[in-house]
Protein backbone atom coordinates (compact mmCIF):
# COMPACT_ATOMS: atom_id res chain seq x y z
CA MET A 1 152.64 176.57 34.48
CA SER A 2 155.63 177.21 36.74
CA ASN A 3 156.68 180.52 38.31
CA ALA A 4 160.38 180.24 37.54
CA LYS A 5 162.67 183.22 37.06
CA ARG A 6 163.90 184.39 33.67
CA SER A 7 166.13 181.76 32.11
CA GLY A 8 167.24 180.46 28.75
CA VAL A 9 165.33 182.06 25.88
CA THR A 10 163.55 184.50 28.20
CA ALA A 11 166.75 185.80 29.84
CA PRO A 12 167.05 188.65 27.28
CA LYS A 13 164.67 191.61 27.61
CA GLY A 14 161.46 191.54 25.63
CA PHE A 15 161.20 187.76 25.26
CA MET A 16 158.46 185.59 26.71
CA ALA A 17 157.75 181.86 26.62
CA ALA A 18 155.18 179.31 27.67
CA GLY A 19 154.95 175.55 27.74
CA GLY A 20 152.19 173.06 28.41
CA ALA A 21 150.48 169.82 27.43
CA CYS A 22 148.11 169.65 24.49
CA GLY A 23 147.75 165.87 24.19
CA VAL A 24 150.23 164.97 21.46
CA LYS A 25 152.13 162.87 23.98
CA PRO A 26 149.84 160.13 25.33
CA ASP A 27 151.29 160.36 28.86
CA GLY A 28 150.07 163.93 29.31
CA SER A 29 153.54 165.46 29.65
CA PHE A 30 154.43 168.89 28.26
CA ASP A 31 154.48 168.84 24.45
CA LEU A 32 153.85 172.39 23.24
CA ALA A 33 155.92 175.57 23.56
CA LEU A 34 155.73 179.18 22.47
CA ILE A 35 158.66 181.62 22.38
CA ALA A 36 157.81 185.21 21.50
CA SER A 37 159.24 188.71 21.35
CA ASP A 38 157.13 191.60 22.57
CA ARG A 39 158.33 193.64 19.57
CA PRO A 40 159.43 192.87 16.00
CA ALA A 41 162.75 191.05 15.92
CA VAL A 42 165.17 190.12 13.19
CA ALA A 43 165.90 186.42 12.78
CA TRP A 44 168.06 183.97 10.92
CA GLY A 45 168.29 180.21 10.94
CA VAL A 46 170.02 177.17 9.55
CA PHE A 47 168.17 173.96 8.78
CA THR A 48 168.68 170.29 8.08
CA LYS A 49 170.47 169.32 4.88
CA ASN A 50 168.57 166.04 4.80
CA VAL A 51 166.72 165.79 1.47
CA VAL A 52 163.73 164.46 3.40
CA LYS A 53 162.68 167.64 5.22
CA GLY A 54 159.80 168.02 7.62
CA ALA A 55 156.94 170.38 6.79
CA PRO A 56 157.83 172.63 9.76
CA VAL A 57 161.31 173.10 8.30
CA ILE A 58 159.83 174.02 4.92
CA VAL A 59 157.39 176.54 6.45
CA SER A 60 160.07 178.07 8.69
CA LYS A 61 162.47 178.46 5.75
CA GLU A 62 159.70 180.20 3.80
CA ASN A 63 158.97 182.54 6.71
CA LEU A 64 162.65 183.36 7.09
CA ARG A 65 162.11 185.67 4.09
CA SER A 66 160.13 188.03 6.33
CA LYS A 67 162.07 191.12 7.40
CA THR A 68 160.78 190.73 10.96
CA SER A 69 159.79 187.81 13.20
CA ARG A 70 157.84 187.51 16.44
CA VAL A 71 157.12 183.94 17.54
CA ILE A 72 158.27 180.32 17.45
CA VAL A 73 155.76 177.50 18.06
CA VAL A 74 157.07 174.02 18.81
CA ASN A 75 155.40 170.69 19.43
CA SER A 76 157.08 167.51 20.62
CA GLY A 77 155.96 163.90 20.34
CA ASN A 78 155.23 164.09 16.61
CA ALA A 79 157.64 165.27 13.89
CA ASN A 80 154.90 166.18 11.37
CA VAL A 81 157.06 164.65 8.63
CA LEU A 82 155.81 162.56 5.69
CA ALA A 83 152.31 162.54 7.18
CA GLU A 84 148.90 163.46 5.84
CA ASN A 85 148.36 167.23 5.62
CA ASP A 86 151.80 167.88 7.15
CA TYR A 87 152.41 171.16 5.29
CA LYS A 88 148.85 172.36 5.86
CA ASN A 89 149.16 171.58 9.57
CA ALA A 90 152.49 173.40 9.90
CA LYS A 91 150.93 176.46 8.23
CA ALA A 92 147.99 176.25 10.62
CA MET A 93 150.34 176.23 13.61
CA ALA A 94 152.04 179.36 12.31
CA GLN A 95 148.71 181.05 11.63
CA THR A 96 147.32 180.29 15.08
CA ALA A 97 150.48 181.29 16.97
CA ALA A 98 150.60 184.54 14.99
CA GLU A 99 146.99 185.34 15.84
CA PHE A 100 147.58 185.06 19.58
CA VAL A 101 150.81 187.07 19.50
CA GLY A 102 149.36 189.71 17.19
CA CYS A 103 151.59 189.39 14.16
CA ALA A 104 151.45 188.17 10.58
CA PRO A 105 151.75 184.41 9.93
CA ARG A 106 154.96 185.04 7.98
CA GLU A 107 156.51 186.26 11.26
CA ALA A 108 156.01 182.86 12.90
CA PHE A 109 158.40 179.90 12.87
CA VAL A 110 157.27 176.31 13.34
CA ALA A 111 159.17 173.32 14.69
CA SER A 112 158.09 169.76 15.44
CA THR A 113 160.00 166.81 16.89
CA GLY A 114 159.08 163.20 17.56
CA VAL A 115 157.94 160.19 15.61
CA ILE A 116 158.10 160.46 11.80
CA GLY A 117 155.19 159.48 9.56
CA GLN A 118 152.28 159.76 11.96
CA PRO A 119 149.50 162.31 11.40
CA LEU A 120 149.76 165.31 13.71
CA PRO A 121 146.61 165.71 15.88
CA ILE A 122 146.32 169.28 14.68
CA GLU A 123 143.10 170.14 16.52
CA LYS A 124 144.80 169.32 19.82
CA VAL A 125 147.81 171.42 18.87
CA LEU A 126 145.78 174.45 17.80
CA LYS A 127 143.64 174.24 20.93
CA GLY A 128 146.85 173.94 22.93
CA ILE A 129 148.25 177.13 21.40
CA GLU A 130 145.07 178.92 22.42
CA THR A 131 145.40 177.51 25.94
CA ILE A 132 149.06 178.32 26.63
CA ALA A 133 149.32 181.67 24.78
CA PRO A 134 147.86 183.63 27.75
CA TYR A 135 150.71 182.21 29.86
CA LEU A 136 153.43 183.78 27.72
CA ARG A 137 155.66 185.53 30.25
CA PRO A 138 159.32 186.34 30.98
CA SER A 139 159.43 183.48 33.51
CA GLY A 140 158.28 180.87 30.98
CA GLY A 141 161.69 179.75 29.69
CA LYS A 142 161.89 176.59 31.77
CA ASP A 143 158.39 175.47 30.76
CA ALA A 144 159.31 175.90 27.10
CA ALA A 145 162.53 173.94 27.60
CA LYS A 146 160.58 171.12 29.20
CA ALA A 147 157.92 171.11 26.48
CA ILE A 148 160.28 170.52 23.53
CA MET A 149 161.86 167.36 25.00
CA THR A 150 161.37 163.87 23.51
CA THR A 151 163.82 161.18 24.69
CA ASP A 152 165.82 163.86 26.50
CA LEU A 153 166.47 163.14 30.16
CA ALA A 154 167.03 166.81 31.01
CA ALA A 155 165.92 170.21 29.76
CA LYS A 156 168.74 172.21 28.16
CA GLU A 157 169.11 175.96 28.70
CA ALA A 158 172.04 178.37 28.52
CA GLN A 159 172.66 182.10 28.72
CA ALA A 160 175.45 184.67 28.55
CA GLU A 161 175.91 188.35 29.37
CA LEU A 162 177.97 191.02 27.66
CA LYS A 163 178.39 194.79 27.43
CA ILE A 164 177.91 196.69 24.20
CA GLY A 165 178.89 200.25 24.92
CA SER A 166 177.23 201.13 28.22
CA LYS A 167 174.35 198.69 27.74
CA ASP A 168 173.94 195.26 29.29
CA VAL A 169 173.06 192.68 26.64
CA LEU A 170 171.84 189.14 27.22
CA VAL A 171 171.85 186.02 25.06
CA GLY A 172 169.73 182.99 25.98
CA GLY A 173 169.06 179.62 24.43
CA VAL A 174 167.22 176.33 24.64
CA ALA A 175 167.74 173.05 22.81
CA LYS A 176 166.39 169.55 22.63
CA GLY A 177 168.20 166.51 21.41
CA SER A 178 169.33 163.12 22.61
CA GLY A 179 169.39 160.82 19.60
CA MET A 180 169.39 161.16 15.80
CA ILE A 181 172.23 163.61 16.20
CA HIS A 182 174.87 164.13 13.54
CA PRO A 183 173.97 167.56 12.23
CA SER A 184 175.42 168.93 9.04
CA MET A 185 173.88 172.34 9.63
CA ALA A 186 172.60 172.86 13.13
CA THR A 187 171.19 170.48 15.66
CA MET A 188 167.91 168.80 16.37
CA LEU A 189 166.08 171.87 17.66
CA ALA A 190 167.82 174.93 19.09
CA PHE A 191 166.47 178.42 19.66
CA VAL A 192 168.59 181.39 20.72
CA THR A 193 167.39 184.88 21.64
CA THR A 194 169.18 188.15 22.31
CA ASP A 195 168.19 191.70 23.14
CA ALA A 196 171.10 193.02 21.08
CA ALA A 197 170.37 195.16 18.02
CA ILE A 198 171.80 193.69 14.84
CA SER A 199 170.95 193.93 11.14
CA ARG A 200 169.64 190.81 9.38
CA PRO A 201 172.57 190.47 6.95
CA VAL A 202 175.03 190.63 9.84
CA LEU A 203 172.95 188.24 11.95
CA LYS A 204 173.02 185.76 9.06
CA LYS A 205 176.82 185.68 9.14
CA LEU A 206 176.90 185.50 12.93
CA VAL A 207 174.52 182.52 13.04
CA LYS A 208 176.56 180.58 10.51
CA GLU A 209 179.79 181.22 12.42
CA ALA A 210 178.31 180.31 15.80
CA ASN A 211 176.70 177.18 14.40
CA GLU A 212 179.92 175.99 12.78
CA ALA A 213 181.76 176.33 16.09
CA SER A 214 179.13 174.46 18.10
CA PHE A 215 176.31 172.33 16.74
CA ASN A 216 178.27 171.33 13.68
CA ARG A 217 180.85 169.76 15.98
CA ILE A 218 178.74 167.17 17.76
CA THR A 219 177.64 163.64 16.98
CA VAL A 220 175.77 161.05 19.01
CA ASP A 221 174.77 158.39 16.52
CA GLY A 222 175.63 159.64 13.02
CA ASP A 223 172.00 160.27 11.98
CA THR A 224 170.92 163.65 10.57
CA SER A 225 167.28 164.38 11.41
CA THR A 226 164.52 165.54 9.07
CA SER A 227 163.63 168.32 11.49
CA ASP A 228 166.92 169.97 12.54
CA MET A 229 166.96 173.72 12.94
CA LEU A 230 168.76 176.50 14.76
CA LEU A 231 166.89 179.80 14.95
CA VAL A 232 168.27 183.03 16.41
CA MET A 233 166.08 186.08 17.14
CA ALA A 234 167.37 189.54 18.09
CA ASN A 235 164.93 192.25 19.19
CA GLY A 236 167.14 195.19 20.20
CA ALA A 237 165.36 195.62 23.55
CA SER A 238 168.65 196.25 25.38
CA GLY A 239 168.90 199.66 23.75
CA ALA A 240 172.46 198.90 22.66
CA GLU A 241 173.84 200.43 19.47
CA LEU A 242 173.01 198.61 16.24
CA ILE A 243 175.60 196.14 14.99
CA ASP A 244 175.51 196.75 11.25
CA LYS A 245 178.75 195.22 10.04
CA PRO A 246 180.32 191.76 10.61
CA SER A 247 183.51 193.11 12.09
CA GLY A 248 184.71 195.24 14.96
CA GLN A 249 184.52 194.88 18.72
CA ARG A 250 180.72 194.92 19.06
CA TYR A 251 180.29 192.15 16.52
CA ALA A 252 183.10 190.11 18.08
CA LYS A 253 181.55 190.40 21.54
CA LEU A 254 178.10 189.30 20.40
CA LEU A 255 179.54 186.47 18.29
CA SER A 256 181.49 185.24 21.31
CA ALA A 257 178.39 185.31 23.54
CA VAL A 258 176.11 183.58 21.01
CA THR A 259 178.79 180.98 20.32
CA SER A 260 179.26 180.30 24.03
CA VAL A 261 175.52 179.71 24.43
CA CYS A 262 175.47 177.41 21.40
CA VAL A 263 178.52 175.46 22.61
CA ASP A 264 176.96 175.07 26.06
CA LEU A 265 173.75 173.73 24.51
CA ALA A 266 175.62 171.47 22.08
CA ARG A 267 177.65 169.91 24.89
CA LYS A 268 174.49 169.35 26.93
CA VAL A 269 172.90 167.57 23.97
CA VAL A 270 175.86 165.18 23.77
CA LYS A 271 175.92 164.60 27.52
CA ASP A 272 172.24 163.66 27.27
CA GLY A 273 172.84 161.32 24.30
CA GLU A 274 170.55 158.33 24.30
CA GLY A 275 172.05 155.72 26.62
CA ALA A 276 175.29 157.68 26.99
CA THR A 277 177.60 156.94 29.91
CA LYS A 278 180.59 158.98 28.67
CA PHE A 279 181.06 162.53 27.42
CA VAL A 280 183.95 162.51 24.98
CA SER A 281 186.03 165.45 23.75
CA VAL A 282 188.08 164.73 20.63
CA LYS A 283 190.86 167.24 19.97
CA VAL A 284 193.00 167.19 16.84
CA THR A 285 196.04 169.48 16.66
CA SER A 286 198.94 170.23 14.30
CA ALA A 287 196.83 169.77 11.18
CA LYS A 288 197.45 171.66 7.95
CA THR A 289 193.99 173.32 8.06
CA GLU A 290 191.14 173.63 10.53
CA LYS A 291 188.92 171.79 8.05
CA ALA A 292 191.36 168.87 8.03
CA ALA A 293 191.54 168.85 11.83
CA LYS A 294 187.75 168.82 12.12
CA SER A 295 187.43 166.03 9.52
CA VAL A 296 189.79 163.79 11.48
CA ALA A 297 188.14 164.64 14.80
CA MET A 298 184.64 163.91 13.47
CA SER A 299 185.82 160.65 11.90
CA ILE A 300 186.99 159.49 15.32
CA ALA A 301 183.91 160.86 17.09
CA ARG A 302 181.40 159.05 14.89
CA SER A 303 183.22 155.70 14.76
CA SER A 304 180.96 153.01 16.21
CA LEU A 305 184.02 150.94 17.08
CA VAL A 306 185.60 153.80 19.02
CA LYS A 307 182.31 154.60 20.77
CA THR A 308 181.63 151.00 21.82
CA ALA A 309 185.21 150.65 23.08
CA LEU A 310 184.69 153.73 25.24
CA PHE A 311 181.48 152.26 26.64
CA GLY A 312 183.50 149.18 27.58
CA GLU A 313 186.20 151.43 29.08
CA ASP A 314 188.68 149.92 26.65
CA ALA A 315 191.56 152.17 25.56
CA ASN A 316 191.55 150.71 22.06
CA TRP A 317 194.04 153.10 20.46
CA GLY A 318 194.05 151.10 17.23
CA ARG A 319 190.42 151.94 16.55
CA ILE A 320 191.11 155.63 17.14
CA LEU A 321 194.02 155.73 14.70
CA CYS A 322 192.09 153.64 12.18
CA ALA A 323 189.21 156.15 12.25
CA ALA A 324 191.66 159.01 11.83
CA GLY A 325 193.20 157.26 8.86
CA TYR A 326 189.99 156.97 6.82
CA ALA A 327 188.96 160.62 7.38
CA GLY A 328 190.23 161.57 3.92
CA VAL A 329 193.07 163.68 5.32
CA ASN A 330 196.70 162.97 4.47
CA PHE A 331 199.16 162.77 7.39
CA ASP A 332 202.29 160.86 8.29
CA PRO A 333 201.51 158.08 10.84
CA SER A 334 205.14 158.13 11.98
CA LYS A 335 204.73 161.73 13.21
CA ILE A 336 201.45 161.46 15.13
CA SER A 337 201.01 161.51 18.90
CA LEU A 338 197.94 160.14 20.70
CA ASN A 339 196.95 160.92 24.28
CA ILE A 340 193.94 159.40 26.05
CA CYS A 341 192.71 161.21 29.17
CA GLY A 342 195.92 163.22 29.17
CA LYS A 343 198.20 160.18 29.18
CA PRO A 344 200.60 159.51 26.26
CA VAL A 345 199.74 156.31 24.40
CA PHE A 346 201.28 156.43 20.90
CA GLN A 347 204.16 158.56 19.62
CA ASN A 348 206.39 158.53 16.56
CA GLY A 349 204.89 155.37 15.11
CA LYS A 350 204.90 153.21 18.24
CA LEU A 351 203.45 152.76 21.72
CA VAL A 352 205.12 154.90 24.35
CA SER A 353 205.66 152.12 26.89
CA ALA A 354 204.63 148.65 27.96
CA ASP A 355 202.59 149.91 30.92
CA TRP A 356 200.66 152.73 29.21
CA GLU A 357 197.32 150.93 29.63
CA LYS A 358 197.71 150.67 33.42
CA LYS A 359 197.88 154.46 33.52
CA VAL A 360 194.93 155.05 31.18
CA ALA A 361 192.49 152.35 32.32
CA PRO A 362 191.45 153.97 35.64
CA LEU A 363 190.79 157.29 33.88
CA LEU A 364 188.35 155.67 31.43
CA LYS A 365 186.04 154.89 34.33
CA LYS A 366 185.27 158.58 34.66
CA ARG A 367 182.30 160.25 32.96
CA ASP A 368 184.43 162.71 30.96
CA VAL A 369 186.98 161.32 28.50
CA GLU A 370 189.43 163.21 26.31
CA ILE A 371 191.09 161.94 23.14
CA SER A 372 193.91 164.14 21.81
CA LEU A 373 195.61 163.47 18.50
CA ASP A 374 198.53 165.54 17.24
CA LEU A 375 199.03 165.08 13.50
CA GLY A 376 202.48 166.64 13.51
CA GLY A 377 201.99 168.48 10.25
CA GLY A 378 200.72 172.03 10.76
CA ASN A 379 199.33 174.67 13.10
CA ALA A 380 195.55 174.18 12.81
CA SER A 381 193.32 172.47 15.36
CA ALA A 382 189.70 171.52 16.05
CA GLU A 383 187.66 170.04 18.87
CA VAL A 384 184.41 168.06 18.59
CA TRP A 385 182.19 166.29 21.11
CA THR A 386 180.59 162.86 21.16
CA CYS A 387 179.50 160.14 23.56
CA ASP A 388 179.83 156.39 23.87
CA LEU A 389 177.44 153.85 22.34
CA SER A 390 175.79 151.62 24.90
CA HIS A 391 173.27 148.80 25.26
CA ASP A 392 170.71 151.38 26.34
CA TYR A 393 170.99 153.24 23.03
CA ILE A 394 169.76 150.09 21.28
CA ARG A 395 167.01 149.53 23.86
CA ILE A 396 165.75 153.14 23.66
CA ASN A 397 165.55 153.05 19.86
CA THR A 398 163.95 149.62 19.61
CA GLU A 399 161.26 150.71 22.05
CA TYR A 400 160.79 154.24 20.63
CA ARG A 401 157.42 153.67 18.92
CA ASN A 402 156.11 151.11 21.42
């Protein structure tokens, strides 16, 4: 166990974490994490909309009914989905984590990530919880971030500070995700903590708003996992005044901080996309509604033809406009304007010049790429994030179970 400073989910007061290896991963790397509050917290979460849901998702949704929450237990290397005794094993993880934290099983959330359909070695996991629980500490955030990784190349943490009245309030988060990313609720796995004081009904609204502005705006490969979840816990340890209505300055400040943490994590997930060589921002402006703008942006972002063109550093504007056109949003092609990496490419129904590609091509060699499409028909806008689709994505996913 490392001796790192507070970070990520343990940045806020009253939160502890631990991470270690219990043997789920055959290479002996970290595969088990605990995140806990030293006092009862309120929590809310959003979960995968995939009809095929993992047992940990089912158990965590059930335990979301509890008025208070204390601990999250996560294993990586095995999704505990469609496997023998999956529900029973998820319940056992909650029970064991609760015992070592000193709370009721209904106050424990469970998450698992990894290969689908293989039995979870539950005895190893339960023994692992017993082993790492004594290491729960405010400096354990980085160990937890490391322990929830699967094909991720880097651990993903984020944090933000704010003032509520005279009190300093912190928000921290951790996420894992690299492939199987096209969430329609949250993301692969993301956990956010805060020492703000907020009522559960208000937290519910805040989580939905923050999620919509962050994790619901990313795509790597168009696949929605069986295990996706975003959980947010607030324990009030800052001593700040209770936020009991979804309006006003205090709510706006906390929403902004939680959203910034979620956006930071979401962008890190995309940057770490399996085999990714490009981080791509897709901005759509002058749409009739924000929903329309997001629909067009996501249509471009998830297009395999656009993503492979970007991997090849090919400014294939036709693929971009084609993807925009089948988004299900009406617009006038003669009024649109397309910029790639800040350079005008297409305006008023035609290419801007004969030498546009000479200006754009060198910019596509950079890691960060921006696609901006103005629909010329309104005042709404939206931005989403994606990555390219490379040879390595295919290699990683053909070798995943080997």
